[in-house]
Amino acid sequence: MNVVERAQAPTPKFFKVLRNIGIVVATIGGAILTAPVALPAAIVTVGGYLAVAGGVISAISQVTVDDKQLKKDAEGVNDE
């Protein structure tokens, strides 16, 4: 399974929540980095770390695959 297939495969519920948290953390970090006011260097550094950490969390969570759901989809079984 290549990266594109993994990204398009079903994601477990826990990792969907974690992905959304990562997006929020990255957004907060980006907002701190692009703030129009002068901020102390420590806060800007923390903003950079938040942006990177949020991006990594989101990326890893997106490529996590729910094997059970993938097998059900392949067999044509639908829980709904």
PDB file of N, CA and C in Angstrom:
ATOM      1  N   MET A   1       0.854  -1.167   0.000  1.00  0.00           N
ATOM      2  CA  MET A   1       0.000   0.000   0.000  1.00  0.00           C
ATOM      3  C   MET A   1       0.902   1.233   0.000  1.00  0.00           C
ATOM      4  N   ASN A   2       0.732   2.107  -0.988  1.00  0.00           N
ATOM      5  CA  ASN A   2       1.566   3.300  -1.044  1.00  0.00           C
ATOM      6  C   ASN A   2       0.952   4.432  -0.211  1.00  0.00           C
ATOM      7  N   VAL A   3       1.635   5.562  -0.158  1.00  0.00           N
ATOM      8  CA  VAL A   3       1.218   6.663   0.706  1.00  0.00           C
ATOM      9  C   VAL A   3      -0.127   7.238   0.277  1.00  0.00           C
ATOM     10  N   VAL A   4      -0.353   7.354  -1.008  1.00  0.00           N
ATOM     11  CA  VAL A   4      -1.623   7.905  -1.496  1.00  0.00           C
ATOM     12  C   VAL A   4      -2.783   6.997  -1.100  1.00  0.00           C
ATOM     13  N   GLU A   5      -2.615   5.690  -1.259  1.00  0.00           N
ATOM     14  CA  GLU A   5      -3.669   4.746  -0.866  1.00  0.00           C
ATOM     15  C   GLU A   5      -3.914   4.803   0.637  1.00  0.00           C
ATOM     16  N   ARG A   6      -2.831   4.927   1.421  1.00  0.00           N
ATOM     17  CA  ARG A   6      -2.986   5.021   2.872  1.00  0.00           C
ATOM     18  C   ARG A   6      -3.746   6.279   3.263  1.00  0.00           C
ATOM     19  N   ALA A   7      -3.450   7.386   2.606  1.00  0.00           N
ATOM     20  CA  ALA A   7      -4.118   8.647   2.934  1.00  0.00           C
ATOM     21  C   ALA A   7      -5.597   8.611   2.587  1.00  0.00           C
ATOM     22  N   GLN A   8      -5.962   7.817   1.568  1.00  0.00           N
ATOM     23  CA  GLN A   8      -7.355   7.730   1.148  1.00  0.00           C
ATOM     24  C   GLN A   8      -8.118   6.610   1.847  1.00  0.00           C
ATOM     25  N   ALA A   9      -7.418   5.742   2.565  1.00  0.00           N
ATOM     26  CA  ALA A   9      -8.063   4.630   3.263  1.00  0.00           C
ATOM     27  C   ALA A   9      -8.781   5.134   4.514  1.00  0.00           C
ATOM     28  N   PRO A  10      -9.724   4.339   5.039  1.00  0.00           N
ATOM     29  CA  PRO A  10     -10.442   4.747   6.252  1.00  0.00           C
ATOM     30  C   PRO A  10      -9.492   4.914   7.436  1.00  0.00           C
ATOM     31  N   THR A  11      -9.748   5.949   8.239  1.00  0.00           N
ATOM     32  CA  THR A  11      -8.940   6.260   9.419  1.00  0.00           C
ATOM     33  C   THR A  11      -9.740   5.911  10.673  1.00  0.00           C
ATOM     34  N   PRO A  12      -9.116   5.282  11.681  1.00  0.00           N
ATOM     35  CA  PRO A  12      -9.827   4.987  12.925  1.00  0.00           C
ATOM     36  C   PRO A  12     -10.304   6.278  13.618  1.00  0.00           C
ATOM     37  N   LYS A  13     -11.393   6.160  14.368  1.00  0.00           N
ATOM     38  CA  LYS A  13     -12.004   7.323  15.021  1.00  0.00           C
ATOM     39  C   LYS A  13     -11.016   8.064  15.919  1.00  0.00           C
ATOM     40  N   PHE A  14     -10.226   7.340  16.708  1.00  0.00           N
ATOM     41  CA  PHE A  14      -9.262   7.987  17.605  1.00  0.00           C
ATOM     42  C   PHE A  14      -8.297   8.861  16.819  1.00  0.00           C
ATOM     43  N   PHE A  15      -7.824   8.363  15.689  1.00  0.00           N
ATOM     44  CA  PHE A  15      -6.850   9.120  14.909  1.00  0.00           C
ATOM     45  C   PHE A  15      -7.496  10.273  14.150  1.00  0.00           C
ATOM     46  N   LYS A  16      -8.797  10.198  13.880  1.00  0.00           N
ATOM     47  CA  LYS A  16      -9.500  11.345  13.302  1.00  0.00           C
ATOM     48  C   LYS A  16      -9.529  12.486  14.321  1.00  0.00           C
ATOM     49  N   VAL A  17      -9.819  12.144  15.574  1.00  0.00           N
ATOM     50  CA  VAL A  17      -9.826  13.152  16.631  1.00  0.00           C
ATOM     51  C   VAL A  17      -8.418  13.720  16.819  1.00  0.00           C
ATOM     52  N   LEU A  18      -7.423  12.845  16.851  1.00  0.00           N
ATOM     53  CA  LEU A  18      -6.037  13.275  17.014  1.00  0.00           C
ATOM     54  C   LEU A  18      -5.597  14.157  15.847  1.00  0.00           C
ATOM     55  N   ARG A  19      -6.020  13.828  14.631  1.00  0.00           N
ATOM     56  CA  ARG A  19      -5.703  14.642  13.458  1.00  0.00           C
ATOM     57  C   ARG A  19      -6.267  16.046  13.600  1.00  0.00           C
ATOM     58  N   ASN A  20      -7.511  16.126  14.069  1.00  0.00           N
ATOM     59  CA  ASN A  20      -8.139  17.438  14.252  1.00  0.00           C
ATOM     60  C   ASN A  20      -7.435  18.246  15.333  1.00  0.00           C
ATOM     61  N   ILE A  21      -7.010  17.592  16.402  1.00  0.00           N
ATOM     62  CA  ILE A  21      -6.254  18.282  17.451  1.00  0.00           C
ATOM     63  C   ILE A  21      -4.934  18.791  16.881  1.00  0.00           C
ATOM     64  N   GLY A  22      -4.282  17.987  16.066  1.00  0.00           N
ATOM     65  CA  GLY A  22      -3.035  18.402  15.431  1.00  0.00           C
ATOM     66  C   GLY A  22      -3.226  19.610  14.541  1.00  0.00           C
ATOM     67  N   ILE A  23      -4.325  19.647  13.811  1.00  0.00           N
ATOM     68  CA  ILE A  23      -4.618  20.792  12.953  1.00  0.00           C
ATOM     69  C   ILE A  23      -4.809  22.054  13.791  1.00  0.00           C
ATOM     70  N   VAL A  24      -5.510  21.930  14.906  1.00  0.00           N
ATOM     71  CA  VAL A  24      -5.719  23.083  15.792  1.00  0.00           C
ATOM     72  C   VAL A  24      -4.388  23.563  16.373  1.00  0.00           C
ATOM     73  N   VAL A  25      -3.551  22.635  16.820  1.00  0.00           N
ATOM     74  CA  VAL A  25      -2.250  23.002  17.392  1.00  0.00           C
ATOM     75  C   VAL A  25      -1.389  23.693  16.337  1.00  0.00           C
ATOM     76  N   ALA A  26      -1.386  23.169  15.117  1.00  0.00           N
ATOM     77  CA  ALA A  26      -0.605  23.789  14.044  1.00  0.00           C
ATOM     78  C   ALA A  26      -1.136  25.182  13.714  1.00  0.00           C
ATOM     79  N   THR A  27      -2.438  25.345  13.759  1.00  0.00           N
ATOM     80  CA  THR A  27      -3.041  26.644  13.490  1.00  0.00           C
ATOM     81  C   THR A  27      -2.660  27.661  14.564  1.00  0.00           C
ATOM     82  N   ILE A  28      -2.686  27.222  15.811  1.00  0.00           N
ATOM     83  CA  ILE A  28      -2.282  28.118  16.904  1.00  0.00           C
ATOM     84  C   ILE A  28      -0.818  28.520  16.740  1.00  0.00           C
ATOM     85  N   GLY A  29       0.031  27.555  16.419  1.00  0.00           N
ATOM     86  CA  GLY A  29       1.445  27.858  16.200  1.00  0.00           C
ATOM     87  C   GLY A  29       1.641  28.827  15.051  1.00  0.00           C
ATOM     88  N   GLY A  30       0.910  28.619  13.963  1.00  0.00           N
ATOM     89  CA  GLY A  30       0.998  29.533  12.825  1.00  0.00           C
ATOM     90  C   GLY A  30       0.519  30.924  13.165  1.00  0.00           C
ATOM     91  N   ALA A  31      -0.536  31.016  13.967  1.00  0.00           N
ATOM     92  CA  ALA A  31      -1.039  32.330  14.378  1.00  0.00           C
ATOM     93  C   ALA A  31      -0.016  33.066  15.237  1.00  0.00           C
ATOM     94  N   ILE A  32       0.657  32.334  16.096  1.00  0.00           N
ATOM     95  CA  ILE A  32       1.691  32.960  16.924  1.00  0.00           C
ATOM     96  C   ILE A  32       2.846  33.439  16.050  1.00  0.00           C
ATOM     97  N   LEU A  33       3.247  32.615  15.088  1.00  0.00           N
ATOM     98  CA  LEU A  33       4.372  32.987  14.219  1.00  0.00           C
ATOM     99  C   LEU A  33       4.066  34.189  13.339  1.00  0.00           C
ATOM    100  N   THR A  34       2.823  34.338  12.934  1.00  0.00           N
ATOM    101  CA  THR A  34       2.461  35.427  12.024  1.00  0.00           C
ATOM    102  C   THR A  34       1.781  36.592  12.729  1.00  0.00           C
ATOM    103  N   ALA A  35       1.880  36.641  14.041  1.00  0.00           N
ATOM    104  CA  ALA A  35       1.257  37.732  14.797  1.00  0.00           C
ATOM    105  C   ALA A  35       1.832  39.076  14.337  1.00  0.00           C
ATOM    106  N   PRO A  36       0.957  40.064  14.144  1.00  0.00           N
ATOM    107  CA  PRO A  36       1.421  41.365  13.648  1.00  0.00           C
ATOM    108  C   PRO A  36       2.129  42.218  14.703  1.00  0.00           C
ATOM    109  N   VAL A  37       2.183  41.741  15.910  1.00  0.00           N
ATOM    110  CA  VAL A  37       2.862  42.481  16.980  1.00  0.00           C
ATOM    111  C   VAL A  37       4.160  41.780  17.336  1.00  0.00           C
ATOM    112  N   ALA A  38       5.073  42.528  17.929  1.00  0.00           N
ATOM    113  CA  ALA A  38       6.347  41.951  18.346  1.00  0.00           C
ATOM    114  C   ALA A  38       6.118  41.115  19.604  1.00  0.00           C
ATOM    115  N   LEU A  39       6.514  39.855  19.536  1.00  0.00           N
ATOM    116  CA  LEU A  39       6.377  38.955  20.677  1.00  0.00           C
ATOM    117  C   LEU A  39       7.771  38.568  21.166  1.00  0.00           C
ATOM    118  N   PRO A  40       7.883  38.200  22.438  1.00  0.00           N
ATOM    119  CA  PRO A  40       9.178  37.737  22.934  1.00  0.00           C
ATOM    120  C   PRO A  40       9.671  36.509  22.151  1.00  0.00           C
ATOM    121  N   ALA A  41      10.974  36.377  22.076  1.00  0.00           N
ATOM    122  CA  ALA A  41      11.574  35.290  21.301  1.00  0.00           C
ATOM    123  C   ALA A  41      11.121  33.917  21.790  1.00  0.00           C
ATOM    124  N   ALA A  42      10.934  33.769  23.084  1.00  0.00           N
ATOM    125  CA  ALA A  42      10.515  32.473  23.631  1.00  0.00           C
ATOM    126  C   ALA A  42       9.131  32.079  23.113  1.00  0.00           C
ATOM    127  N   ILE A  43       8.240  33.034  23.016  1.00  0.00           N
ATOM    128  CA  ILE A  43       6.886  32.743  22.540  1.00  0.00           C
ATOM    129  C   ILE A  43       6.919  32.390  21.053  1.00  0.00           C
ATOM    130  N   VAL A  44       7.735  33.095  20.286  1.00  0.00           N
ATOM    131  CA  VAL A  44       7.856  32.785  18.862  1.00  0.00           C
ATOM    132  C   VAL A  44       8.453  31.393  18.675  1.00  0.00           C
ATOM    133  N   THR A  45       9.420  31.033  19.502  1.00  0.00           N
ATOM    134  CA  THR A  45      10.018  29.700  19.434  1.00  0.00           C
ATOM    135  C   THR A  45       8.976  28.631  19.746  1.00  0.00           C
ATOM    136  N   VAL A  46       8.188  28.852  20.772  1.00  0.00           N
ATOM    137  CA  VAL A  46       7.118  27.908  21.125  1.00  0.00           C
ATOM    138  C   VAL A  46       6.117  27.798  19.975  1.00  0.00           C
ATOM    139  N   GLY A  47       5.798  28.921  19.333  1.00  0.00           N
ATOM    140  CA  GLY A  47       4.889  28.901  18.184  1.00  0.00           C
ATOM    141  C   GLY A  47       5.424  28.035  17.060  1.00  0.00           C
ATOM    142  N   GLY A  48       6.727  28.107  16.827  1.00  0.00           N
ATOM    143  CA  GLY A  48       7.347  27.265  15.802  1.00  0.00           C
ATOM    144  C   GLY A  48       7.242  25.793  16.149  1.00  0.00           C
ATOM    145  N   TYR A  49       7.508  25.482  17.405  1.00  0.00           N
ATOM    146  CA  TYR A  49       7.403  24.088  17.844  1.00  0.00           C
ATOM    147  C   TYR A  49       5.967  23.583  17.742  1.00  0.00           C
ATOM    148  N   LEU A  50       5.000  24.428  18.088  1.00  0.00           N
ATOM    149  CA  LEU A  50       3.597  24.029  17.986  1.00  0.00           C
ATOM    150  C   LEU A  50       3.209  23.750  16.530  1.00  0.00           C
ATOM    151  N   ALA A  51       3.669  24.599  15.620  1.00  0.00           N
ATOM    152  CA  ALA A  51       3.340  24.424  14.212  1.00  0.00           C
ATOM    153  C   ALA A  51       3.913  23.104  13.687  1.00  0.00           C
ATOM    154  N   VAL A  52       5.153  22.821  14.030  1.00  0.00           N
ATOM    155  CA  VAL A  52       5.780  21.580  13.566  1.00  0.00           C
ATOM    156  C   VAL A  52       5.113  20.361  14.195  1.00  0.00           C
ATOM    157  N   ALA A  53       4.898  20.409  15.499  1.00  0.00           N
ATOM    158  CA  ALA A  53       4.286  19.274  16.199  1.00  0.00           C
ATOM    159  C   ALA A  53       2.873  19.003  15.676  1.00  0.00           C
ATOM    160  N   GLY A  54       2.093  20.049  15.470  1.00  0.00           N
ATOM    161  CA  GLY A  54       0.741  19.878  14.945  1.00  0.00           C
ATOM    162  C   GLY A  54       0.745  19.284  13.554  1.00  0.00           C
ATOM    163  N   GLY A  55       1.681  19.719  12.724  1.00  0.00           N
ATOM    164  CA  GLY A  55       1.788  19.162  11.376  1.00  0.00           C
ATOM    165  C   GLY A  55       2.151  17.696  11.385  1.00  0.00           C
ATOM    166  N   VAL A  56       3.080  17.324  12.251  1.00  0.00           N
ATOM    167  CA  VAL A  56       3.501  15.923  12.345  1.00  0.00           C
ATOM    168  C   VAL A  56       2.361  15.052  12.872  1.00  0.00           C
ATOM    169  N   ILE A  57       1.693  15.519  13.915  1.00  0.00           N
ATOM    170  CA  ILE A  57       0.565  14.764  14.476  1.00  0.00           C
ATOM    171  C   ILE A  57      -0.514  14.549  13.419  1.00  0.00           C
ATOM    172  N   SER A  58      -0.840  15.596  12.684  1.00  0.00           N
ATOM    173  CA  SER A  58      -1.880  15.498  11.659  1.00  0.00           C
ATOM    174  C   SER A  58      -1.479  14.551  10.535  1.00  0.00           C
ATOM    175  N   ALA A  59      -0.237  14.645  10.095  1.00  0.00           N
ATOM    176  CA  ALA A  59       0.220  13.795   8.991  1.00  0.00           C
ATOM    177  C   ALA A  59       0.239  12.323   9.390  1.00  0.00           C
ATOM    178  N   ILE A  60       0.770  12.026  10.557  1.00  0.00           N
ATOM    179  CA  ILE A  60       0.827  10.637  11.010  1.00  0.00           C
ATOM    180  C   ILE A  60      -0.582  10.084  11.230  1.00  0.00           C
ATOM    181  N   SER A  61      -1.457  10.892  11.792  1.00  0.00           N
ATOM    182  CA  SER A  61      -2.824  10.433  12.037  1.00  0.00           C
ATOM    183  C   SER A  61      -3.570  10.177  10.741  1.00  0.00           C
ATOM    184  N   GLN A  62      -3.298  10.967   9.708  1.00  0.00           N
ATOM    185  CA  GLN A  62      -4.006  10.799   8.440  1.00  0.00           C
ATOM    186  C   GLN A  62      -3.631   9.504   7.734  1.00  0.00           C
ATOM    187  N   VAL A  63      -2.395   9.057   7.864  1.00  0.00           N
ATOM    188  CA  VAL A  63      -1.976   7.850   7.150  1.00  0.00           C
ATOM    189  C   VAL A  63      -2.143   6.580   7.977  1.00  0.00           C
ATOM    190  N   THR A  64      -2.789   6.685   9.136  1.00  0.00           N
ATOM    191  CA  THR A  64      -3.109   5.495   9.924  1.00  0.00           C
ATOM    192  C   THR A  64      -4.358   4.855   9.330  1.00  0.00           C
ATOM    193  N   VAL A  65      -4.310   3.551   9.111  1.00  0.00           N
ATOM    194  CA  VAL A  65      -5.384   2.857   8.398  1.00  0.00           C
ATOM    195  C   VAL A  65      -6.178   1.982   9.355  1.00  0.00           C
ATOM    196  N   ASP A  66      -7.496   2.012   9.208  1.00  0.00           N
ATOM    197  CA  ASP A  66      -8.398   1.130   9.937  1.00  0.00           C
ATOM    198  C   ASP A  66      -8.554  -0.147   9.122  1.00  0.00           C
ATOM    199  N   ASP A  67      -7.755  -1.167   9.476  1.00  0.00           N
ATOM    200  CA  ASP A  67      -7.742  -2.411   8.697  1.00  0.00           C
ATOM    201  C   ASP A  67      -9.097  -3.108   8.693  1.00  0.00           C
ATOM    202  N   LYS A  68      -9.803  -3.073   9.821  1.00  0.00           N
ATOM    203  CA  LYS A  68     -11.106  -3.743   9.881  1.00  0.00           C
ATOM    204  C   LYS A  68     -12.088  -3.106   8.901  1.00  0.00           C
ATOM    205  N   GLN A  69     -12.137  -1.781   8.894  1.00  0.00           N
ATOM    206  CA  GLN A  69     -13.045  -1.091   7.978  1.00  0.00           C
ATOM    207  C   GLN A  69     -12.621  -1.298   6.531  1.00  0.00           C
ATOM    208  N   LEU A  70     -11.322  -1.320   6.295  1.00  0.00           N
ATOM    209  CA  LEU A  70     -10.806  -1.544   4.944  1.00  0.00           C
ATOM    210  C   LEU A  70     -11.224  -2.916   4.426  1.00  0.00           C
ATOM    211  N   LYS A  71     -11.159  -3.939   5.287  1.00  0.00           N
ATOM    212  CA  LYS A  71     -11.572  -5.288   4.892  1.00  0.00           C
ATOM    213  C   LYS A  71     -13.079  -5.351   4.649  1.00  0.00           C
ATOM    214  N   LYS A  72     -13.852  -4.665   5.512  1.00  0.00           N
ATOM    215  CA  LYS A  72     -15.304  -4.644   5.316  1.00  0.00           C
ATOM    216  C   LYS A  72     -15.660  -3.976   4.001  1.00  0.00           C
ATOM    217  N   ASP A  73     -14.973  -2.864   3.687  1.00  0.00           N
ATOM    218  CA  ASP A  73     -15.235  -2.166   2.427  1.00  0.00           C
ATOM    219  C   ASP A  73     -14.868  -3.043   1.234  1.00  0.00           C
ATOM    220  N   ALA A  74     -13.780  -3.796   1.368  1.00  0.00           N
ATOM    221  CA  ALA A  74     -13.353  -4.680   0.279  1.00  0.00           C
ATOM    222  C   ALA A  74     -14.346  -5.821   0.062  1.00  0.00           C
ATOM    223  N   GLU A  75     -14.976  -6.286   1.149  1.00  0.00           N
ATOM    224  CA  GLU A  75     -15.953  -7.367   1.058  1.00  0.00           C
ATOM    225  C   GLU A  75     -17.344  -6.861   0.688  1.00  0.00           C
ATOM    226  N   GLY A  76     -17.531  -5.542   0.730  1.00  0.00           N
ATOM    227  CA  GLY A  76     -18.831  -4.976   0.400  1.00  0.00           C
ATOM    228  C   GLY A  76     -19.792  -4.936   1.563  1.00  0.00           C
ATOM    229  N   VAL A  77     -19.308  -5.132   2.790  1.00  0.00           N
ATOM    230  CA  VAL A  77     -20.139  -5.088   3.982  1.00  0.00           C
ATOM    231  C   VAL A  77     -20.207  -3.659   4.461  1.00  0.00           C
ATOM    232  N   ASN A  78     -21.416  -3.210   4.825  1.00  0.00           N
ATOM    233  CA  ASN A  78     -21.593  -1.848   5.303  1.00  0.00           C
ATOM    234  C   ASN A  78     -22.348  -1.891   6.620  1.00  0.00           C
ATOM    235  N   ASP A  79     -21.830  -1.215   7.637  1.00  0.00           N
ATOM    236  CA  ASP A  79     -22.467  -1.218   8.957  1.00  0.00           C
ATOM    237  C   ASP A  79     -23.674  -0.294   9.039  1.00  0.00           C
ATOM    238  N   GLU A  80     -23.856   0.579   8.099  1.00  0.00           N
ATOM    239  CA  GLU A  80     -24.938   1.571   8.202  1.00  0.00           C
ATOM    240  C   GLU A  80     -26.263   1.002   7.868  1.00  0.00           C
TER     241      GLU A  80
END
